[in-house]
Amino acid sequence: MATNEPSGPVSDASDSRRGSLALRWVGIDTYRENVAYIHRDCAIYRAEGFQALSKIAVTCGGVRLLATLNVVDDAAIVSPGQLGLSEQAFSELAAIEGADLHIAHAERPHSMDAVRRKIVGERLSEQDYKNIISDIAAHRFAKTEIAAFVVSTAQNELDREEVFYLTQAMVSSGQRINWRETLVADKHCIGGIPGNRTSMLLVPILAAHGMLVPKTSSRAITSPAGTADTMEVLCDVDLPLGRLQEIVREQRGCLAWGGQAGLSPADDILISVERPLGIDSRGQMVASILSKKVAAGSTHLLIDIPVGPTAKVRHMDAAQSLRKLLEYVGQRLNLQMEVIITDGRQPIGRGIGPALEARDVMMVLQNDPDAPQDLRQKALNLAGRILEFDPDVRGGAGFGIARDILDSGRALTKMNAIIDAQGRRPPVAFGRRTFDVVSHQTGVVVGIDNFQLARIARYAGAPMDKGAGVDLYRKLGDRVESGDMLYRVYAEYAADEQFARVLTADNHGYTIGDLADLPRAFVPS
């Protein structure tokens, strides 16, 4: 995060003969991390004792940022008189290439002491979390130090007060929107269910009703697509805060990525570490969800917790415990919340992966007779619950209102208006390389492994390759003959196709048995 704070102990760097370097843009995407590049033969590098992977303070024109230092030997990247900055860092510094800048050693973040205490199992204070999140948002932590924090909070589970402290600190790390309305609605799903793109149906339904729905979403952490990844197939989701606000005021809703808007920016940095580690702990998850909603100005929130044998939440007692934690933290944050538990035995819809899921959403909005009915029905149920936040909607009437908005085409019209406002994109083709997975038994589909199907879609290239993923042809309760197709896998590259083939050969994720073996559905509550 660029700041206007003094640059600290950089008196030597103020001497242009020793401390001035020319800024150079280095076209490397370091995803949420500021990285600087210096030549090994640079006089400043040798004189000041900088080391590779250490943190440095970079100052240019009164703006200061912190970056991780990489040392290079190739003058084609940076010459001895230059300092290169990655795309992320160059954007934050907001200076022109060739500008004079100065570098200095960055002070080690004092909040690492609190991280070390968490590693050994201590309970941290409200101030500890404020300090840690402030340092993460300001890029004072290296990726390894962030990983240490993420792992420590996953291994040593946070109590409910710690989760509240962490959430508050994450809200404070960025901007917070005040829409100046008494009812600002949003919805979030805990996840673990591939294809569950109900938010992309809820927003146009609710916005067509007149409800304000500024939906900001994170990108996928461990899944093959998040709402932002799927919406990006249709339009731009990287909206600066000002543009996001304009669209919401014009259309009464949006579907955007929260990172570009500066809402809870520490969360996006944490996600960039959680994603490769495959960690999504309960405390971090609650803090991530609620900090984004509060920062986006939500006043009313519906949380969906799918429960099933291969969902993220697999048992009712775990779902009830999570519901209580969400309600506790939400209440402390002055959010009016409803937390519901839904059936998570199998994927929702047919597509798993951004382009395939976007297809399902548009088919539902277009009232296509071939649209996945489970996705339509779940979206209407959730939309009805949110509509009943409106004091003018009688209890129990929300579902009918939502269905009328969808059936009449008003939801499709609103979705197209939102897509155009955010910046419509050309159609995305499905992956060019495909293979089909078939049943080797005759019987009934009695199990679909959400986790395994998500893994297969990710191995095929989703969500980075928008057209990659899995297209389901059979759902729970369907009868199949030996040789019938279960699903088709799409990949863009041969290597990804091979990875997915190997994974499906080991476990294709379907269980074929007798109708009596079909697992019981959890009754939504």
Protein backbone atom coordinates (compact mmCIF):
# COMPACT_ATOMS: atom_id res chain seq x y z
CA MET A 1 0.00 0.00 0.00
CA ALA A 2 1.51 3.32 -1.03
CA THR A 3 1.56 5.91 1.73
CA ASN A 4 2.69 9.48 2.24
CA GLU A 5 4.47 8.67 5.49
CA PRO A 6 8.11 9.68 5.93
CA SER A 7 10.51 7.19 4.47
CA GLY A 8 12.33 6.50 7.75
CA PRO A 9 16.09 6.14 8.13
CA VAL A 10 17.16 6.93 4.57
CA SER A 11 19.63 9.77 5.07
CA ASP A 12 22.24 8.06 2.88
CA ALA A 13 19.65 7.50 0.18
CA SER A 14 18.96 11.23 0.00
CA ASP A 15 22.46 11.72 -1.44
CA SER A 16 21.82 11.43 -5.19
CA ARG A 17 25.38 10.24 -5.80
CA ARG A 18 24.76 7.17 -3.63
CA GLY A 19 21.03 6.74 -3.21
CA SER A 20 19.29 7.74 -6.44
CA LEU A 21 18.18 5.07 -8.91
CA ALA A 22 16.06 5.33 -12.03
CA LEU A 23 12.67 3.65 -11.90
CA ARG A 24 12.06 0.87 -14.40
CA TRP A 25 8.84 -1.02 -15.08
CA VAL A 26 9.36 -4.79 -15.08
CA GLY A 27 6.45 -6.59 -16.69
CA ILE A 28 6.06 -9.38 -14.15
CA ASP A 29 2.73 -10.09 -12.46
CA THR A 30 3.59 -10.87 -8.83
CA TYR A 31 -0.10 -11.03 -7.73
CA ARG A 32 -0.71 -8.88 -4.64
CA GLU A 33 2.99 -8.64 -3.75
CA ASN A 34 5.31 -5.69 -4.31
CA VAL A 35 8.61 -6.92 -5.76
CA ALA A 36 11.68 -4.83 -6.62
CA TYR A 37 14.60 -5.84 -8.85
CA ILE A 38 18.16 -4.57 -8.43
CA HIS A 39 21.33 -5.45 -10.36
CA ARG A 40 24.03 -7.29 -8.45
CA ASP A 41 26.60 -4.71 -9.63
CA CYS A 42 24.59 -1.75 -8.34
CA ALA A 43 26.80 0.40 -6.09
CA ILE A 44 23.96 0.95 -3.61
CA TYR A 45 23.30 -2.77 -3.38
CA ARG A 46 26.95 -3.43 -2.54
CA ALA A 47 27.44 -0.46 -0.23
CA GLU A 48 24.29 -0.83 1.85
CA GLY A 49 24.37 -4.61 2.26
CA PHE A 50 20.95 -5.36 0.82
CA GLN A 51 20.11 -9.05 0.51
CA ALA A 52 17.82 -10.95 -1.83
CA LEU A 53 14.29 -11.47 -0.47
CA SER A 54 14.75 -8.77 2.17
CA LYS A 55 12.21 -5.96 2.51
CA ILE A 56 13.17 -2.51 1.25
CA ALA A 57 11.48 0.90 1.41
CA VAL A 58 11.14 2.60 -1.99
CA THR A 59 10.49 6.37 -2.02
CA CYS A 60 9.60 8.45 -5.07
CA GLY A 61 8.06 11.91 -5.12
CA GLY A 62 6.88 11.72 -1.52
CA VAL A 63 5.21 8.33 -1.98
CA ARG A 64 6.66 5.36 -0.16
CA LEU A 65 6.04 1.64 -0.54
CA LEU A 66 7.59 -1.54 0.77
CA ALA A 67 8.77 -4.29 -1.56
CA THR A 68 10.56 -7.62 -1.52
CA LEU A 69 13.98 -7.33 -3.15
CA ASN A 70 15.12 -9.66 -5.94
CA VAL A 71 18.74 -9.51 -7.15
CA VAL A 72 19.37 -10.05 -10.88
CA ASP A 73 22.45 -10.50 -13.03
CA ASP A 74 20.84 -9.67 -16.37
CA ALA A 75 21.20 -6.01 -17.35
CA ALA A 76 18.33 -6.52 -19.80
CA ILE A 77 16.02 -6.66 -16.77
CA VAL A 78 17.60 -3.75 -14.86
CA SER A 79 20.92 -2.01 -15.27
CA PRO A 80 23.18 -1.19 -12.27
CA GLY A 81 21.69 2.31 -12.17
CA GLN A 82 18.05 1.24 -12.12
CA LEU A 83 15.52 -0.24 -9.74
CA GLY A 84 12.86 -2.35 -11.38
CA LEU A 85 9.35 -2.72 -9.94
CA SER A 86 6.83 -5.46 -10.68
CA GLU A 87 3.46 -4.53 -12.18
CA GLN A 88 1.81 -4.45 -8.74
CA ALA A 89 4.47 -2.22 -7.16
CA PHE A 90 4.82 0.07 -10.20
CA SER A 91 1.07 0.69 -10.16
CA GLU A 92 1.08 1.54 -6.45
CA LEU A 93 4.03 3.93 -6.74
CA ALA A 94 2.17 5.78 -9.52
CA ALA A 95 5.34 7.32 -10.97
CA ILE A 96 6.68 7.53 -14.51
CA GLU A 97 9.43 5.25 -15.78
CA GLY A 98 12.85 6.86 -15.35
CA ALA A 99 11.85 8.87 -12.26
CA ASP A 100 14.44 9.20 -9.50
CA LEU A 101 13.78 7.08 -6.46
CA HIS A 102 15.56 6.10 -3.28
CA ILE A 103 15.75 2.84 -1.40
CA ALA A 104 16.48 1.95 2.20
CA HIS A 105 16.29 -1.03 4.50
CA ALA A 106 12.75 -1.58 5.76
CA GLU A 107 12.24 -1.98 9.46
CA ARG A 108 11.15 -5.47 10.46
CA PRO A 109 7.44 -5.44 11.40
CA HIS A 110 7.04 -5.55 15.18
CA SER A 111 3.78 -7.48 14.78
CA MET A 112 5.80 -10.59 13.85
CA ASP A 113 6.26 -10.99 17.61
CA ALA A 114 2.50 -11.54 17.89
CA VAL A 115 2.58 -14.03 15.00
CA ARG A 116 5.27 -16.00 16.80
CA ARG A 117 3.09 -16.05 19.91
CA LYS A 118 0.16 -17.36 17.86
CA ILE A 119 2.37 -20.08 16.39
CA VAL A 120 2.91 -21.49 19.89
CA GLY A 121 -0.82 -21.30 20.64
CA GLU A 122 -1.30 -18.02 22.51
CA ARG A 123 -4.52 -16.05 22.31
CA LEU A 124 -3.93 -12.65 20.66
CA SER A 125 -5.45 -9.32 21.64
CA GLU A 126 -7.49 -6.86 19.59
CA GLN A 127 -4.40 -4.65 19.22
CA ASP A 128 -2.31 -7.61 18.07
CA TYR A 129 -4.69 -8.26 15.19
CA LYS A 130 -4.83 -4.57 14.28
CA ASN A 131 -1.04 -4.47 14.11
CA ILE A 132 -0.73 -7.68 12.09
CA ILE A 133 -3.38 -6.75 9.53
CA SER A 134 -2.04 -3.19 9.24
CA ASP A 135 1.43 -4.57 8.46
CA ILE A 136 0.07 -7.09 5.95
CA ALA A 137 -1.96 -4.40 4.15
CA ALA A 138 1.12 -2.15 4.02
CA HIS A 139 3.19 -5.01 2.49
CA ARG A 140 5.54 -5.09 5.49
CA PHE A 141 5.24 -8.89 5.66
CA ALA A 142 7.04 -11.20 3.26
CA LYS A 143 4.98 -14.03 1.78
CA THR A 144 6.67 -16.50 4.14
CA GLU A 145 5.65 -14.38 7.14
CA ILE A 146 2.06 -14.15 5.89
CA ALA A 147 2.07 -17.92 5.44
CA ALA A 148 3.23 -18.30 9.04
CA PHE A 149 0.27 -16.20 10.20
CA VAL A 150 -2.23 -18.10 8.03
CA VAL A 151 -0.99 -21.49 9.22
CA SER A 152 -0.87 -20.41 12.87
CA THR A 153 -4.51 -19.26 12.84
CA ALA A 154 -5.56 -22.49 11.11
CA GLN A 155 -3.60 -24.76 13.44
CA ASN A 156 -4.51 -22.89 16.63
CA GLU A 157 -8.19 -22.16 16.08
CA LEU A 158 -9.34 -18.64 16.87
CA ASP A 159 -11.97 -18.16 19.57
CA ARG A 160 -15.01 -16.06 18.66
CA GLU A 161 -13.55 -12.86 20.14
CA GLU A 162 -10.37 -13.32 18.10
CA VAL A 163 -12.45 -13.82 14.96
CA PHE A 164 -14.26 -10.54 15.71
CA TYR A 165 -10.93 -8.75 16.31
CA LEU A 166 -9.52 -10.13 13.05
CA THR A 167 -12.66 -9.10 11.12
CA GLN A 168 -12.60 -5.57 12.54
CA ALA A 169 -8.93 -5.21 11.69
CA MET A 170 -9.53 -6.37 8.12
CA VAL A 171 -12.38 -3.88 7.66
CA SER A 172 -10.11 -1.09 8.94
CA SER A 173 -7.33 -2.04 6.49
CA GLY A 174 -9.15 -0.45 3.54
CA GLN A 175 -11.99 1.75 2.42
CA ARG A 176 -15.56 1.40 3.65
CA ILE A 177 -18.61 2.41 1.62
CA ASN A 178 -21.62 4.15 3.09
CA TRP A 179 -24.54 3.91 0.65
CA ARG A 180 -26.76 6.06 2.89
CA GLU A 181 -29.62 3.56 2.61
CA THR A 182 -31.26 1.59 5.39
CA LEU A 183 -31.31 -1.72 3.47
CA VAL A 184 -28.22 -2.80 1.53
CA ALA A 185 -28.47 -6.53 0.82
CA ASP A 186 -25.89 -9.21 0.07
CA LYS A 187 -25.50 -12.96 0.08
CA HIS A 188 -22.57 -15.31 0.54
CA CYS A 189 -22.13 -19.06 0.26
CA ILE A 190 -19.56 -20.81 2.46
CA GLY A 191 -18.49 -22.80 -0.58
CA GLY A 192 -17.34 -26.32 -1.28
CA ILE A 193 -20.15 -26.92 -3.81
CA PRO A 194 -18.99 -26.66 -7.44
CA GLY A 195 -21.21 -24.73 -9.84
CA ASN A 196 -23.16 -22.98 -7.09
CA ARG A 197 -23.48 -19.64 -8.91
CA THR A 198 -26.66 -18.42 -7.23
CA SER A 199 -25.25 -14.92 -6.58
CA MET A 200 -25.24 -14.20 -10.31
CA LEU A 201 -28.99 -14.87 -10.32
CA LEU A 202 -29.80 -13.19 -7.02
CA VAL A 203 -28.27 -9.83 -7.89
CA PRO A 204 -30.35 -9.15 -11.03
CA ILE A 205 -33.52 -10.46 -9.35
CA LEU A 206 -33.05 -8.28 -6.27
CA ALA A 207 -31.87 -5.24 -8.23
CA ALA A 208 -34.88 -5.55 -10.56
CA HIS A 209 -37.07 -5.42 -7.43
CA GLY A 210 -35.31 -2.16 -6.46
CA MET A 211 -33.16 -3.51 -3.64
CA LEU A 212 -29.56 -2.22 -3.45
CA VAL A 213 -27.16 -5.16 -3.95
CA PRO A 214 -23.47 -4.17 -4.25
CA LYS A 215 -22.10 -7.71 -4.65
CA THR A 216 -18.33 -7.80 -4.29
CA SER A 217 -16.70 -11.22 -4.37
CA SER A 218 -13.29 -12.78 -3.92
CA ARG A 219 -11.69 -14.93 -6.53
CA ALA A 220 -11.51 -18.69 -6.03
CA ILE A 221 -9.22 -19.89 -3.24
CA THR A 222 -9.46 -23.68 -3.46
CA SER A 223 -12.40 -24.00 -5.90
CA PRO A 224 -12.40 -24.08 -9.72
CA ALA A 225 -14.36 -20.80 -9.89
CA GLY A 226 -15.57 -18.02 -7.64
CA THR A 227 -18.34 -15.56 -8.46
CA ALA A 228 -15.77 -12.98 -9.62
CA ASP A 229 -14.02 -15.56 -11.86
CA THR A 230 -17.35 -16.55 -13.47
CA MET A 231 -18.69 -13.01 -13.88
CA GLU A 232 -15.37 -12.10 -15.52
CA VAL A 233 -16.36 -14.36 -18.43
CA LEU A 234 -19.18 -11.93 -19.19
CA CYS A 235 -17.75 -8.52 -18.24
CA ASP A 236 -15.05 -6.61 -16.40
CA VAL A 237 -14.99 -7.21 -12.64
CA ASP A 238 -11.85 -5.19 -11.78
CA LEU A 239 -13.72 -2.01 -10.97
CA PRO A 240 -12.16 0.94 -9.14
CA LEU A 241 -14.25 2.06 -6.19
CA GLY A 242 -15.61 5.18 -7.89
CA ARG A 243 -16.84 3.27 -10.93
CA LEU A 244 -18.32 0.52 -8.74
CA GLN A 245 -20.33 3.13 -6.84
CA GLU A 246 -21.59 4.72 -10.07
CA ILE A 247 -22.78 1.36 -11.42
CA VAL A 248 -24.56 0.42 -8.20
CA ARG A 249 -26.35 3.77 -8.06
CA GLU A 250 -27.38 3.45 -11.72
CA GLN A 251 -28.33 -0.24 -11.75
CA ARG A 252 -29.03 -0.95 -8.05
CA GLY A 253 -26.48 -3.77 -8.19
CA CYS A 254 -23.14 -5.05 -9.42
CA LEU A 255 -21.08 -8.25 -9.48
CA ALA A 256 -17.46 -7.23 -9.03
CA TRP A 257 -14.16 -8.34 -7.56
CA GLY A 258 -13.59 -6.60 -4.23
CA GLY A 259 -9.81 -6.34 -4.54
CA GLN A 260 -9.70 -3.52 -7.08
CA ALA A 261 -12.12 -1.46 -5.02
CA GLY A 262 -9.77 -1.43 -2.00
CA LEU A 263 -12.32 -3.13 0.26
CA SER A 264 -10.58 -5.16 2.98
CA PRO A 265 -7.33 -5.27 0.95
CA ALA A 266 -5.55 -7.38 3.56
CA ASP A 267 -8.03 -10.14 2.76
CA ASP A 268 -6.90 -10.30 -0.86
CA ILE A 269 -3.27 -10.55 0.24
CA LEU A 270 -4.15 -13.34 2.67
CA ILE A 271 -6.09 -15.15 -0.06
CA SER A 272 -3.05 -15.00 -2.35
CA VAL A 273 -1.21 -17.10 0.26
CA GLU A 274 -4.15 -19.31 1.30
CA ARG A 275 -4.83 -20.34 -2.31
CA PRO A 276 -1.53 -22.18 -3.01
CA LEU A 277 -1.52 -23.61 0.53
CA GLY A 278 -5.09 -24.87 0.12
CA ILE A 279 -5.99 -23.44 3.54
CA ASP A 280 -9.43 -22.02 4.32
CA SER A 281 -9.73 -22.15 8.12
CA ARG A 282 -12.99 -21.34 9.89
CA GLY A 283 -11.76 -18.16 11.60
CA GLN A 284 -10.09 -16.77 8.49
CA MET A 285 -13.15 -17.69 6.41
CA VAL A 286 -15.58 -15.85 8.69
CA ALA A 287 -13.30 -12.81 8.88
CA SER A 288 -12.85 -12.79 5.11
CA ILE A 289 -16.59 -13.00 4.39
CA LEU A 290 -17.83 -10.50 6.94
CA SER A 291 -15.04 -7.94 6.50
CA LYS A 292 -15.80 -7.74 2.77
CA LYS A 293 -19.54 -7.36 3.42
CA VAL A 294 -19.12 -4.64 6.05
CA ALA A 295 -16.56 -2.79 3.90
CA ALA A 296 -18.96 -2.93 0.94
CA GLY A 297 -21.61 -1.22 3.08
CA SER A 298 -23.98 -4.18 3.53
CA THR A 299 -26.60 -3.89 6.25
CA HIS A 300 -28.50 -7.17 5.61
CA LEU A 301 -26.80 -10.45 4.76
CA LEU A 302 -27.89 -13.99 3.92
CA ILE A 303 -25.30 -16.73 4.49
CA ASP A 304 -25.71 -20.13 2.82
CA ILE A 305 -23.99 -23.13 4.49
CA PRO A 306 -24.27 -26.20 2.23
CA VAL A 307 -23.81 -29.47 4.14
CA GLY A 308 -22.97 -32.82 2.59
CA PRO A 309 -20.55 -35.74 2.81
CA THR A 310 -18.04 -34.09 0.41
CA ALA A 311 -18.92 -30.41 0.95
CA LYS A 312 -16.70 -27.98 2.82
CA VAL A 313 -19.00 -28.44 5.85
CA ARG A 314 -19.75 -32.15 6.18
CA HIS A 315 -21.77 -32.51 9.37
CA MET A 316 -24.78 -30.75 10.85
CA ASP A 317 -23.05 -30.09 14.17
CA ALA A 318 -20.21 -28.30 12.33
CA ALA A 319 -22.77 -26.29 10.34
CA GLN A 320 -24.63 -25.27 13.50
CA SER A 321 -21.35 -24.25 15.16
CA LEU A 322 -20.34 -22.18 12.14
CA ARG A 323 -23.78 -20.57 12.05
CA LYS A 324 -23.43 -19.50 15.68
CA LEU A 325 -19.97 -18.01 15.01
CA LEU A 326 -21.21 -16.09 11.97
CA GLU A 327 -24.23 -14.79 13.87
CA TYR A 328 -22.09 -13.73 16.84
CA VAL A 329 -19.54 -11.82 14.76
CA GLY A 330 -22.25 -10.38 12.49
CA GLN A 331 -24.18 -9.09 15.49
CA ARG A 332 -21.04 -7.44 16.88
CA LEU A 333 -20.62 -5.74 13.48
CA ASN A 334 -24.26 -4.54 13.45
CA LEU A 335 -25.20 -6.72 10.49
CA GLN A 336 -28.74 -8.08 10.24
CA MET A 337 -28.11 -11.66 9.21
CA GLU A 338 -29.89 -14.85 8.35
CA VAL A 339 -27.79 -18.03 8.13
CA ILE A 340 -29.39 -21.01 6.41
CA ILE A 341 -28.23 -24.60 5.99
CA THR A 342 -28.81 -26.17 2.56
CA ASP A 343 -28.33 -29.49 0.76
CA GLY A 344 -24.69 -29.89 -0.27
CA ARG A 345 -24.62 -33.49 -1.46
CA GLN A 346 -23.68 -32.66 -5.06
CA PRO A 347 -22.72 -29.81 -7.42
CA ILE A 348 -25.39 -27.24 -8.30
CA GLY A 349 -26.05 -26.80 -11.99
CA ARG A 350 -24.13 -28.66 -14.68
CA GLY A 351 -20.98 -26.62 -15.31
CA ILE A 352 -17.89 -26.53 -13.11
CA GLY A 353 -15.47 -23.81 -14.24
CA PRO A 354 -15.98 -20.12 -15.14
CA ALA A 355 -17.31 -20.33 -18.72
CA LEU A 356 -19.44 -23.41 -18.06
CA GLU A 357 -20.96 -21.85 -14.94
CA ALA A 358 -21.62 -18.57 -16.78
CA ARG A 359 -23.49 -20.59 -19.43
CA ASP A 360 -25.72 -22.14 -16.73
CA VAL A 361 -26.49 -18.73 -15.22
CA MET A 362 -27.49 -17.19 -18.53
CA MET A 363 -29.65 -20.20 -19.42
CA VAL A 364 -31.59 -19.74 -16.17
CA LEU A 365 -31.98 -16.01 -16.77
CA GLN A 366 -33.17 -16.67 -20.32
CA ASN A 367 -35.76 -19.18 -19.00
CA ASP A 368 -34.24 -21.79 -21.29
CA PRO A 369 -36.16 -25.08 -20.85
CA ASP A 370 -32.79 -26.90 -20.73
CA ALA A 371 -31.47 -24.69 -17.92
CA PRO A 372 -30.38 -26.56 -14.76
CA GLN A 373 -33.47 -26.60 -12.57
CA ASP A 374 -31.58 -27.15 -9.31
CA LEU A 375 -29.67 -23.88 -9.84
CA ARG A 376 -32.90 -22.05 -10.70
CA GLN A 377 -34.77 -23.41 -7.69
CA LYS A 378 -32.01 -22.70 -5.19
CA ALA A 379 -31.54 -19.15 -6.51
CA LEU A 380 -35.27 -18.47 -6.18
CA ASN A 381 -35.36 -19.83 -2.63
CA LEU A 382 -32.43 -17.63 -1.58
CA ALA A 383 -33.75 -14.57 -3.41
CA GLY A 384 -37.07 -15.01 -1.66
CA ARG A 385 -35.39 -15.04 1.75
CA ILE A 386 -33.49 -11.83 0.96
CA LEU A 387 -36.57 -10.09 -0.46
CA GLU A 388 -38.24 -10.69 2.88
CA PHE A 389 -35.66 -8.41 4.51
CA ASP A 390 -37.75 -5.67 2.84
CA PRO A 391 -40.37 -4.58 5.41
CA ASP A 392 -42.85 -4.07 2.55
CA VAL A 393 -42.64 -7.77 1.58
CA ARG A 394 -44.93 -10.02 3.59
CA GLY A 395 -43.31 -13.08 5.16
CA GLY A 396 -43.53 -16.06 2.82
CA ALA A 397 -44.19 -13.88 -0.26
CA GLY A 398 -40.55 -13.50 -1.31
CA PHE A 399 -40.31 -16.68 -3.39
CA GLY A 400 -43.30 -15.73 -5.53
CA ILE A 401 -41.95 -12.23 -6.16
CA ALA A 402 -38.54 -13.62 -7.13
CA ARG A 403 -40.12 -16.15 -9.50
CA ASP A 404 -42.23 -13.47 -11.18
CA ILE A 405 -39.16 -11.26 -11.73
CA LEU A 406 -37.26 -14.19 -13.30
CA ASP A 407 -40.14 -15.56 -15.40
CA SER A 408 -41.05 -12.11 -16.75
CA GLY A 409 -37.54 -11.51 -18.15
CA ARG A 410 -36.95 -8.52 -15.85
CA ALA A 411 -33.99 -10.31 -14.23
CA LEU A 412 -32.39 -10.96 -17.64
CA THR A 413 -32.87 -7.33 -18.65
CA LYS A 414 -31.25 -6.18 -15.41
CA MET A 415 -28.35 -8.64 -15.78
CA ASN A 416 -27.64 -7.39 -19.31
CA ALA A 417 -27.71 -3.80 -18.05
CA ILE A 418 -25.22 -4.66 -15.29
CA ILE A 419 -22.96 -6.51 -17.75
CA ASP A 420 -22.98 -3.54 -20.15
CA ALA A 421 -22.32 -1.08 -17.31
CA GLN A 422 -19.33 -3.09 -16.06
CA GLY A 423 -17.98 -3.58 -19.59
CA ARG A 424 -19.25 -6.51 -21.66
CA ARG A 425 -16.63 -8.98 -22.88
CA PRO A 426 -16.64 -11.15 -26.01
CA PRO A 427 -17.79 -14.77 -25.52
CA VAL A 428 -15.30 -17.21 -24.02
CA ALA A 429 -14.98 -20.56 -25.78
CA PHE A 430 -14.83 -23.78 -23.81
CA GLY A 431 -11.45 -25.51 -23.72
CA ARG A 432 -10.35 -26.93 -27.08
CA ARG A 433 -9.23 -30.27 -25.65
CA THR A 434 -11.94 -32.59 -24.29
CA PHE A 435 -12.46 -36.12 -23.05
CA ASP A 436 -15.48 -37.94 -21.70
CA VAL A 437 -15.73 -39.93 -18.48
CA VAL A 438 -18.17 -42.85 -18.59
CA SER A 439 -19.74 -45.20 -16.09
CA HIS A 440 -18.35 -48.73 -15.90
CA GLN A 441 -21.42 -49.97 -14.03
CA THR A 442 -25.18 -50.10 -14.44
CA GLY A 443 -27.22 -48.66 -11.63
CA VAL A 444 -28.16 -45.36 -9.98
CA VAL A 445 -25.90 -42.38 -9.22
CA VAL A 446 -25.80 -42.45 -5.41
CA GLY A 447 -22.74 -40.29 -4.79
CA ILE A 448 -20.95 -37.36 -6.45
CA ASP A 449 -17.75 -36.24 -4.77
CA ASN A 450 -17.80 -32.43 -4.75
CA PHE A 451 -14.15 -32.23 -3.74
CA GLN A 452 -12.93 -34.63 -6.43
CA LEU A 453 -14.96 -32.98 -9.21
CA ALA A 454 -13.56 -29.59 -8.15
CA ARG A 455 -10.03 -31.03 -8.21
CA ILE A 456 -10.55 -32.43 -11.70
CA ALA A 457 -11.78 -29.04 -12.95
CA ARG A 458 -8.79 -27.31 -11.37
CA TYR A 459 -6.35 -29.84 -12.84
CA ALA A 460 -7.97 -29.14 -16.22
CA GLY A 461 -6.97 -25.48 -15.79
CA ALA A 462 -9.88 -23.71 -14.05
CA PRO A 463 -10.17 -20.95 -12.95
CA MET A 464 -7.08 -19.50 -14.66
CA ASP A 465 -8.27 -20.85 -18.02
CA LYS A 466 -11.84 -19.59 -18.19
CA GLY A 467 -12.98 -22.27 -20.64
CA ALA A 468 -11.60 -25.19 -18.64
CA GLY A 469 -13.70 -27.34 -16.36
CA VAL A 470 -16.22 -30.16 -16.12
CA ASP A 471 -19.69 -30.44 -17.67
CA LEU A 472 -21.96 -32.85 -15.78
CA TYR A 473 -24.42 -35.14 -17.59
CA ARG A 474 -25.66 -37.12 -14.58
CA LYS A 475 -26.83 -36.06 -11.12
CA LEU A 476 -27.88 -37.90 -7.95
CA GLY A 477 -30.72 -40.36 -8.51
CA ASP A 478 -30.15 -40.67 -12.27
CA ARG A 479 -30.04 -44.17 -13.70
CA VAL A 480 -27.04 -45.05 -15.87
CA GLU A 481 -26.02 -47.99 -18.02
CA SER A 482 -22.45 -49.17 -18.35
CA GLY A 483 -20.81 -46.92 -20.95
CA ASP A 484 -23.11 -43.93 -20.34
CA MET A 485 -21.33 -40.59 -20.12
CA LEU A 486 -21.06 -39.09 -16.63
CA TYR A 487 -19.34 -35.84 -17.60
CA ARG A 488 -17.07 -34.14 -20.12
CA VAL A 489 -13.78 -32.48 -19.20
CA TYR A 490 -12.60 -29.35 -21.03
CA ALA A 491 -8.96 -28.19 -21.04
CA GLU A 492 -7.04 -25.64 -23.06
CA TYR A 493 -3.58 -27.22 -22.89
CA ALA A 494 -2.32 -30.77 -23.40
CA ALA A 495 -0.54 -30.85 -20.04
CA ASP A 496 -3.71 -29.85 -18.16
CA GLU A 497 -5.73 -32.40 -20.09
CA GLN A 498 -3.25 -35.11 -19.12
CA PHE A 499 -3.28 -34.07 -15.45
CA ALA A 500 -7.08 -34.30 -15.45
CA ARG A 501 -7.05 -37.66 -17.25
CA VAL A 502 -4.73 -39.17 -14.66
CA LEU A 503 -6.89 -37.83 -11.84
CA THR A 504 -10.14 -39.18 -13.33
CA ALA A 505 -8.53 -42.57 -13.99
CA ASP A 506 -7.66 -42.79 -10.31
CA ASN A 507 -11.09 -41.57 -9.09
CA HIS A 508 -13.78 -40.14 -11.35
CA GLY A 509 -15.83 -38.91 -8.37
CA TYR A 510 -19.07 -40.84 -9.03
CA THR A 511 -20.53 -43.74 -7.04
CA ILE A 512 -22.99 -46.04 -8.79
CA GLY A 513 -25.26 -48.24 -6.67
CA ASP A 514 -28.87 -48.97 -5.81
CA LEU A 515 -31.54 -46.36 -5.24
CA ALA A 516 -31.69 -47.42 -1.60
CA ASP A 517 -28.07 -46.26 -1.21
CA LEU A 518 -28.89 -42.64 -2.08
CA PRO A 519 -27.72 -40.45 0.84
CA ARG A 520 -30.31 -38.55 2.82
CA ALA A 521 -30.62 -34.85 2.02
CA PHE A 522 -30.18 -32.36 4.82
CA VAL A 523 -33.40 -30.40 5.18
CA PRO A 524 -32.72 -26.66 4.60
CA SER A 525 -33.35 -24.62 7.72
